[in-house]
């Protein structure tokens, strides 16, 4: 996920309108085009900008590209989970000393990390699709009701994740991972809170704020997963 995607290339939000995409493209072309500004000329950047605009300016190609991004997210998470499982297995084989500390870590991984990780993954892997469904007609009563049910389900899952997270103190060696999970849970809670305001007043700023918070939560989640790499 470290490779820049088309939205990052154009420096726009993933929910940007077509008008915003075109405006961003024109601004960047003017900035990097050699006929306009010799000091900022960057041929490779211009190629990336054109490629990004070609994909995002077409509705069908943009939808296909968004699906690719979601699939990339899922594949990345699956690899991380596999690495974590392998890390746990290898770690168990290497245990020779510090049995009490080892058992504490194993218990935390089983009773805290695994359930919290699953709840967080389910929430972060579903919000984009739910918002896309609502975007079809944000004023449709049935879509609003479905969206409300989705948010309620997420809140219940979040509460379960928070309960699991508080059930055991984290081992010192996993403090960094635990901190990232703590901030991830808080960010998800804030995102859900923002999204809940939308059906009350149809102010799209709440949708945008919620989406931005979910993106931040996703970044924190990746950092939490990276912190588990010490057990590979």
Protein backbone atom coordinates (compact mmCIF):
# COMPACT_ATOMS: atom_id res chain seq x y z
CA UNK A 1 0.00 0.00 0.00
CA UNK A 2 3.01 2.27 0.09
CA UNK A 3 2.84 2.85 -3.68
CA UNK A 4 1.06 6.07 -4.61
CA UNK A 5 -2.40 5.55 -6.09
CA UNK A 6 -4.22 7.74 -8.59
CA UNK A 7 -6.08 9.69 -5.90
CA UNK A 8 -2.83 10.49 -4.13
CA UNK A 9 -1.23 11.48 -7.44
CA UNK A 10 -3.96 14.07 -8.03
CA UNK A 11 -3.99 14.97 -4.32
CA UNK A 12 -7.74 14.44 -3.98
CA UNK A 13 -10.10 12.53 -1.72
CA UNK A 14 -11.27 9.12 -2.89
CA UNK A 15 -14.84 10.47 -2.92
CA UNK A 16 -14.01 13.52 -5.01
CA UNK A 17 -16.54 14.58 -7.64
CA UNK A 18 -15.74 14.59 -11.35
CA UNK A 19 -15.51 18.36 -11.23
CA UNK A 20 -12.97 18.18 -8.42
CA UNK A 21 -10.96 15.60 -10.35
CA UNK A 22 -10.84 17.81 -13.42
CA UNK A 23 -9.92 20.87 -11.37
CA UNK A 24 -7.08 19.00 -9.63
CA UNK A 25 -5.81 17.67 -12.96
CA UNK A 26 -5.72 21.11 -14.57
CA UNK A 27 -3.93 22.59 -11.59
CA UNK A 28 -1.23 19.91 -11.61
CA UNK A 29 -0.75 19.99 -15.37
CA UNK A 30 -0.20 23.73 -15.16
CA UNK A 31 2.23 23.26 -12.29
CA UNK A 32 4.41 20.62 -13.97
CA UNK A 33 4.05 21.39 -17.67
CA UNK A 34 7.36 22.62 -19.19
CA UNK A 35 5.62 25.24 -21.35
CA UNK A 36 4.16 26.86 -18.25
CA UNK A 37 6.74 26.46 -15.53
CA UNK A 38 10.28 25.32 -16.30
CA UNK A 39 11.27 25.20 -12.64
CA UNK A 40 8.76 22.49 -11.72
CA UNK A 41 8.98 20.41 -14.90
CA UNK A 42 8.84 16.71 -14.09
CA UNK A 43 8.12 14.42 -17.05
CA UNK A 44 7.58 11.34 -14.93
CA UNK A 45 5.14 13.21 -12.72
CA UNK A 46 3.24 14.45 -15.77
CA UNK A 47 2.94 10.87 -17.00
CA UNK A 48 1.55 9.79 -13.64
CA UNK A 49 -0.87 12.71 -13.56
CA UNK A 50 -2.17 11.93 -17.06
CA UNK A 51 -2.54 8.24 -16.22
CA UNK A 52 -4.44 9.06 -13.04
CA UNK A 53 -6.77 11.45 -14.80
CA UNK A 54 -7.43 9.01 -17.65
CA UNK A 55 -8.65 6.41 -15.15
CA UNK A 56 -10.54 8.63 -12.70
CA UNK A 57 -12.25 10.84 -15.27
CA UNK A 58 -14.14 7.86 -16.69
CA UNK A 59 -16.88 6.52 -14.42
CA UNK A 60 -16.53 2.87 -15.39
CA UNK A 61 -12.74 2.79 -15.25
CA UNK A 62 -12.86 4.61 -11.91
CA UNK A 63 -15.27 2.04 -10.46
CA UNK A 64 -13.00 -0.75 -11.68
CA UNK A 65 -9.97 0.98 -10.17
CA UNK A 66 -11.76 1.45 -6.82
CA UNK A 67 -12.49 -2.27 -6.77
CA UNK A 68 -8.80 -2.94 -7.37
CA UNK A 69 -7.91 -0.74 -4.39
CA UNK A 70 -10.34 -2.62 -2.16
CA UNK A 71 -8.95 -5.96 -3.35
CA UNK A 72 -5.44 -4.70 -2.65
CA UNK A 73 -6.54 -3.83 0.88
CA UNK A 74 -7.98 -7.31 1.42
CA UNK A 75 -4.93 -9.09 0.00
CA UNK A 76 -2.60 -6.97 2.09
CA UNK A 77 -4.56 -7.74 5.24
CA UNK A 78 -4.64 -11.47 4.45
CA UNK A 79 -0.87 -11.49 4.01
CA UNK A 80 -0.44 -9.66 7.28
CA UNK A 81 -2.70 -12.13 9.06
CA UNK A 82 -0.75 -15.04 7.60
CA UNK A 83 2.50 -13.43 8.69
CA UNK A 84 1.09 -12.94 12.17
CA UNK A 85 -0.07 -16.55 12.39
CA UNK A 86 3.31 -17.77 11.17
CA UNK A 87 5.03 -15.43 13.61
CA UNK A 88 3.06 -16.86 16.50
CA UNK A 89 3.91 -20.42 15.49
CA UNK A 90 7.60 -19.66 15.08
CA UNK A 91 7.65 -17.75 18.33
CA UNK A 92 6.22 -20.71 20.23
CA UNK A 93 8.95 -22.97 18.82
CA UNK A 94 11.72 -20.60 19.91
CA UNK A 95 10.62 -20.27 23.54
CA UNK A 96 13.38 -21.34 25.91
CA UNK A 97 13.35 -18.80 28.71
CA UNK A 98 10.97 -16.32 30.31
CA UNK A 99 8.08 -18.79 30.37
CA UNK A 100 5.77 -16.46 32.34
CA UNK A 101 6.31 -13.59 29.90
CA UNK A 102 5.81 -15.91 26.95
CA UNK A 103 2.53 -17.20 28.34
CA UNK A 104 1.36 -13.62 28.94
CA UNK A 105 2.06 -12.74 25.31
CA UNK A 106 0.36 -15.88 24.03
CA UNK A 107 -2.71 -15.15 26.14
CA UNK A 108 -2.87 -11.55 24.93
CA UNK A 109 -2.59 -12.63 21.30
CA UNK A 110 -5.38 -15.15 21.71
CA UNK A 111 -7.80 -13.21 23.92
CA UNK A 112 -7.14 -9.63 22.82
CA UNK A 113 -5.35 -9.35 19.51
CA UNK A 114 -7.25 -11.97 17.52
CA UNK A 115 -10.82 -10.82 18.37
CA UNK A 116 -9.96 -7.11 18.20
CA UNK A 117 -8.18 -7.57 14.90
CA UNK A 118 -11.18 -9.35 13.39
CA UNK A 119 -13.69 -6.73 14.53
CA UNK A 120 -11.52 -3.88 13.26
CA UNK A 121 -10.90 -5.58 9.93
CA UNK A 122 -14.62 -6.20 9.38
CA UNK A 123 -15.46 -2.55 10.03
CA UNK A 124 -12.64 -1.09 7.93
CA UNK A 125 -13.38 -3.45 5.08
CA UNK A 126 -17.07 -2.52 4.84
CA UNK A 127 -17.53 1.23 5.24
CA UNK A 128 -16.70 2.23 1.66
CA UNK A 129 -19.28 -0.12 0.20
CA UNK A 130 -21.96 1.08 2.62
CA UNK A 131 -21.33 4.73 1.80
CA UNK A 132 -21.41 3.96 -1.92
CA UNK A 133 -24.83 2.34 -1.49
CA UNK A 134 -26.11 5.38 0.37
CA UNK A 135 -24.66 7.70 -2.28
CA UNK A 136 -27.07 6.22 -4.85
CA UNK A 137 -29.79 8.33 -3.20
CA UNK A 138 -28.89 9.86 0.19
CA UNK A 139 -32.51 10.87 0.75
CA UNK A 140 -34.07 7.46 0.13
CA UNK A 141 -35.77 6.26 3.33
CA UNK A 142 -34.85 2.61 2.84
CA UNK A 143 -31.20 3.38 2.09
CA UNK A 144 -31.04 5.63 5.15
CA UNK A 145 -32.57 2.91 7.28
CA UNK A 146 -30.08 0.36 5.96
CA UNK A 147 -27.24 2.77 6.60
CA UNK A 148 -28.47 3.34 10.15
CA UNK A 149 -28.61 -0.43 10.74
CA UNK A 150 -25.07 -0.73 9.41
CA UNK A 151 -23.80 1.97 11.75
CA UNK A 152 -25.53 0.32 14.69
CA UNK A 153 -23.91 -3.00 13.82
CA UNK A 154 -20.51 -1.34 13.63
CA UNK A 155 -21.05 0.30 17.02
CA UNK A 156 -21.89 -3.07 18.53
CA UNK A 157 -18.78 -4.64 17.00
CA UNK A 158 -16.69 -1.71 18.18
CA UNK A 159 -18.00 -2.13 21.72
CA UNK A 160 -17.08 -5.83 21.65
CA UNK A 161 -13.61 -4.94 20.37
CA UNK A 162 -13.15 -2.37 23.13
CA UNK A 163 -14.29 -4.88 25.75
CA UNK A 164 -11.79 -7.45 24.46
CA UNK A 165 -9.05 -4.84 24.34
CA UNK A 166 -9.61 -3.91 28.00
CA UNK A 167 -9.89 -7.52 29.17
CA UNK A 168 -6.11 -7.96 29.68
CA UNK A 169 -3.16 -5.65 30.20
CA UNK A 170 -0.86 -5.69 27.20
CA UNK A 171 2.59 -7.27 27.56
CA UNK A 172 5.40 -4.67 27.57
CA UNK A 173 6.88 -6.08 24.36
CA UNK A 174 3.55 -5.45 22.59
CA UNK A 175 2.99 -1.94 23.93
CA UNK A 176 3.52 -0.32 20.51
CA UNK A 177 1.00 -2.60 18.79
CA UNK A 178 -1.48 -2.12 21.64
CA UNK A 179 -1.16 1.66 21.39
CA UNK A 180 -1.90 1.58 17.66
CA UNK A 181 -4.96 -0.58 18.24
CA UNK A 182 -6.13 1.78 20.97
CA UNK A 183 -5.95 4.80 18.66
CA UNK A 184 -7.52 2.80 15.83
CA UNK A 185 -10.54 1.96 17.99
CA UNK A 186 -10.90 5.58 19.07
CA UNK A 187 -10.70 6.79 15.48
CA UNK A 188 -13.35 4.30 14.37
CA UNK A 189 -15.61 5.49 17.17
CA UNK A 190 -15.18 9.10 16.07
CA UNK A 191 -15.86 8.16 12.44
CA UNK A 192 -19.09 6.38 13.33
CA UNK A 193 -20.13 9.36 15.43
CA UNK A 194 -19.69 11.71 12.48
CA UNK A 195 -21.60 9.43 10.09
CA UNK A 196 -24.51 9.19 12.52
CA UNK A 197 -25.13 12.92 12.15
CA UNK A 198 -25.77 12.72 8.41
CA UNK A 199 -29.28 11.19 8.55
CA UNK A 200 -30.25 13.91 11.03
CA UNK A 201 -29.52 16.92 8.82
CA UNK A 202 -28.20 15.58 5.46
CA UNK A 203 -25.06 17.66 5.83
CA UNK A 204 -22.48 15.96 3.59
CA UNK A 205 -19.64 17.38 5.65
CA UNK A 206 -20.36 14.69 8.22
CA UNK A 207 -19.97 12.01 5.54
CA UNK A 208 -16.66 13.48 4.41
CA UNK A 209 -15.41 13.82 7.97
CA UNK A 210 -16.39 10.23 8.75
CA UNK A 211 -14.62 8.95 5.65
CA UNK A 212 -11.45 10.86 6.47
CA UNK A 213 -11.47 9.42 9.99
CA UNK A 214 -11.90 5.92 8.59
CA UNK A 215 -8.87 6.48 6.35
CA UNK A 216 -6.85 7.58 9.37
CA UNK A 217 -8.07 4.51 11.28
CA UNK A 218 -6.93 2.32 8.39
CA UNK A 219 -3.45 3.82 8.52
CA UNK A 220 -3.27 3.23 12.27
CA UNK A 221 -4.46 -0.32 11.74
CA UNK A 222 -1.62 -0.97 9.29
CA UNK A 223 0.86 0.40 11.82
CA UNK A 224 -0.57 -1.93 14.46
CA UNK A 225 -0.09 -4.87 12.10
CA UNK A 226 3.46 -3.78 11.33
CA UNK A 227 4.18 -3.75 15.06
CA UNK A 228 3.39 -7.45 15.19
CA UNK A 229 6.21 -8.24 12.74
CA UNK A 230 8.64 -8.77 15.63
CA UNK A 231 7.09 -12.21 16.03
CA UNK A 232 7.81 -13.46 12.53
